[in-house]
Amino acid sequence: MYAIVEIAGLQYKVEQDQKLFVNRLQADAGEEVTFDKVLLTDNGSVTVGAPVIKGVTVVAKVLDQVKGDKVIVFKKKRRKGYKVKNGHRQQFTQIQILSIGSGAETPKKAEKKAAPKKEKEVAKEEVKTEE
C-alpha cells in the first residue's frame, strides 16, 4: 500500500515504515505528525482525491532535524575582478511513516435540526386546544 501526500508544499510517494527527508517541519524529534492532504491511495484499488481524499491521513514520526550537503554558489565576471563565493546548507526533517489509512478525525455529517419543527408543532397544538 502506498499513498501520495503533500508535505510542506511538496508531493511525496510514501509507504509504511519508509524513512524520508522533507523540508523542515516545526516539530521536535520523537513527535508524531499527521498529514491530511492525501492525494492518492493504492491498497489494491487506486483511489484518487479531488483534490484530496477526505477522512484519510498519514501518520509519521519525526526522527531528527538535519542539514543537507553544502552547496557552493560561485559568481564571477571575467576581467572585472568580481568574484563572490557563498555556501548554503538546506535544513531537512527526517521522518518515518507509521501508518496510512483513515484517521481518528473522520468528518461527521451535519445532523438535521429537528428542534424548530417541534416548536411549530407545539404552537399548532396550543392553538387547537384553545379553540
Protein backbone atom coordinates (compact mmCIF):
# COMPACT_ATOMS: atom_id res chain seq x y z
CA MET A 1 0.00 0.00 0.00
CA TYR A 2 1.25 3.44 -0.84
CA ALA A 3 -0.07 7.00 -0.87
CA ILE A 4 0.84 10.31 -2.44
CA VAL A 5 0.87 13.02 0.23
CA GLU A 6 1.51 16.75 0.18
CA ILE A 7 4.05 17.61 2.88
CA ALA A 8 5.27 21.20 3.28
CA GLY A 9 4.19 22.12 -0.25
CA LEU A 10 5.82 19.14 -1.98
CA GLN A 11 4.29 15.81 -3.02
CA TYR A 12 5.84 12.54 -1.86
CA LYS A 13 5.05 8.90 -2.57
CA VAL A 14 5.12 7.19 0.83
CA GLU A 15 4.81 3.62 2.09
CA GLN A 16 4.54 2.28 5.61
CA ASP A 17 7.85 2.13 7.57
CA GLN A 18 9.58 4.30 4.94
CA LYS A 19 12.11 6.91 6.05
CA LEU A 20 12.45 10.12 4.07
CA PHE A 21 13.76 13.66 4.28
CA VAL A 22 11.27 16.53 3.86
CA ASN A 23 11.59 20.28 4.12
CA ARG A 24 11.91 21.42 7.72
CA LEU A 25 8.81 20.88 9.87
CA GLN A 26 8.12 22.68 13.14
CA ALA A 27 8.25 19.55 15.32
CA ASP A 28 10.69 18.08 17.80
CA ALA A 29 12.35 14.68 17.50
CA GLY A 30 10.05 11.92 18.69
CA GLU A 31 6.78 13.75 17.97
CA GLU A 32 4.06 12.25 15.79
CA VAL A 33 2.82 14.33 12.88
CA THR A 34 -0.32 13.74 10.82
CA PHE A 35 -0.75 14.79 7.21
CA ASP A 36 -4.32 15.33 5.96
CA LYS A 37 -3.59 16.22 2.34
CA VAL A 38 -3.63 12.70 0.87
CA LEU A 39 -3.98 12.99 -2.91
CA LEU A 40 -3.98 9.29 -3.88
CA THR A 41 -4.01 5.90 -2.17
CA ASP A 42 -3.45 2.41 -3.54
CA ASN A 43 -4.43 -0.62 -1.45
CA GLY A 44 -5.37 -3.00 -4.26
CA SER A 45 -7.56 -0.39 -5.90
CA VAL A 46 -6.49 3.16 -6.66
CA THR A 47 -8.45 5.99 -5.01
CA VAL A 48 -7.86 9.48 -6.39
CA GLY A 49 -8.99 12.55 -4.49
CA ALA A 50 -10.49 15.67 -5.95
CA PRO A 51 -8.18 17.33 -4.79
CA VAL A 52 -7.78 15.35 -1.52
CA ILE A 53 -9.31 12.19 -0.10
CA LYS A 54 -11.48 13.03 2.89
CA GLY A 55 -11.00 11.02 6.08
CA VAL A 56 -7.62 9.54 5.10
CA THR A 57 -4.50 10.62 6.96
CA VAL A 58 -0.84 9.64 7.05
CA VAL A 59 0.83 9.45 10.46
CA ALA A 60 4.59 9.93 10.70
CA LYS A 61 7.17 10.13 13.47
CA VAL A 62 9.86 12.82 13.44
CA LEU A 63 13.25 11.14 13.80
CA ASP A 64 15.65 14.09 13.58
CA GLN A 65 16.27 17.64 12.34
CA VAL A 66 19.28 17.55 9.97
CA LYS A 67 21.15 19.69 7.45
CA GLY A 68 21.78 18.69 3.85
CA ASP A 69 25.07 18.74 1.98
CA LYS A 70 26.73 22.09 1.40
CA VAL A 71 26.00 23.73 -1.95
CA ILE A 72 28.61 26.22 -3.21
CA VAL A 73 27.37 29.28 -5.09
CA PHE A 74 30.21 30.92 -7.01
CA LYS A 75 29.75 34.05 -9.16
CA LYS A 76 32.41 35.59 -11.36
CA LYS A 77 32.65 38.24 -14.05
CA ARG A 78 35.77 37.82 -16.09
CA ARG A 79 38.22 40.68 -16.50
CA LYS A 80 36.33 42.77 -13.90
CA GLY A 81 37.86 41.47 -10.68
CA TYR A 82 34.42 40.35 -9.42
CA LYS A 83 34.28 37.05 -7.53
CA VAL A 84 31.75 36.01 -4.87
CA LYS A 85 31.65 32.65 -3.13
CA ASN A 86 28.71 31.68 -0.91
CA GLY A 87 27.64 28.40 0.66
CA HIS A 88 24.26 27.07 1.69
CA ARG A 89 23.03 24.07 3.71
CA GLN A 90 19.34 23.23 3.41
CA GLN A 91 17.55 22.17 6.60
CA PHE A 92 15.54 18.93 6.49
CA THR A 93 13.39 16.87 8.82
CA GLN A 94 13.83 13.09 8.75
CA ILE A 95 10.51 11.30 9.24
CA GLN A 96 9.34 7.69 9.32
CA ILE A 97 5.86 6.79 8.08
CA LEU A 98 3.96 4.88 10.78
CA SER A 99 0.57 4.31 9.17
CA ILE A 100 -1.51 5.13 6.13
CA GLY A 101 -5.27 5.00 6.43
CA SER A 102 -8.35 6.53 7.92
CA GLY A 103 -7.59 8.91 10.74
CA ALA A 104 -9.31 9.22 14.08
CA GLU A 105 -10.79 12.51 12.98
CA THR A 106 -13.44 11.46 10.50
CA PRO A 107 -15.73 14.23 9.34
CA LYS A 108 -19.26 13.85 10.64
CA LYS A 109 -22.29 14.56 8.52
CA ALA A 110 -24.37 17.53 9.55
CA GLU A 111 -27.40 16.42 11.50
CA LYS A 112 -30.78 17.78 10.57
CA LYS A 113 -32.14 20.24 13.08
CA ALA A 114 -35.46 18.87 14.30
CA ALA A 115 -35.93 21.40 17.11
CA PRO A 116 -37.54 24.20 15.03
CA LYS A 117 -40.08 21.76 13.58
CA LYS A 118 -41.11 20.62 17.06
CA GLU A 119 -41.70 24.21 18.16
CA LYS A 120 -44.02 24.78 15.23
CA GLU A 121 -45.94 21.59 16.00
CA VAL A 122 -46.28 22.59 19.66
CA ALA A 123 -47.58 26.01 18.65
CA LYS A 124 -50.22 24.41 16.37
CA GLU A 125 -51.33 22.07 19.17
CA GLU A 126 -51.74 25.01 21.56
CA VAL A 127 -53.91 26.84 19.02
CA LYS A 128 -56.12 23.75 18.59
CA THR A 129 -56.58 23.29 22.36
CA GLU A 130 -57.56 26.94 22.85
CA GLU A 131 -60.44 26.71 20.37
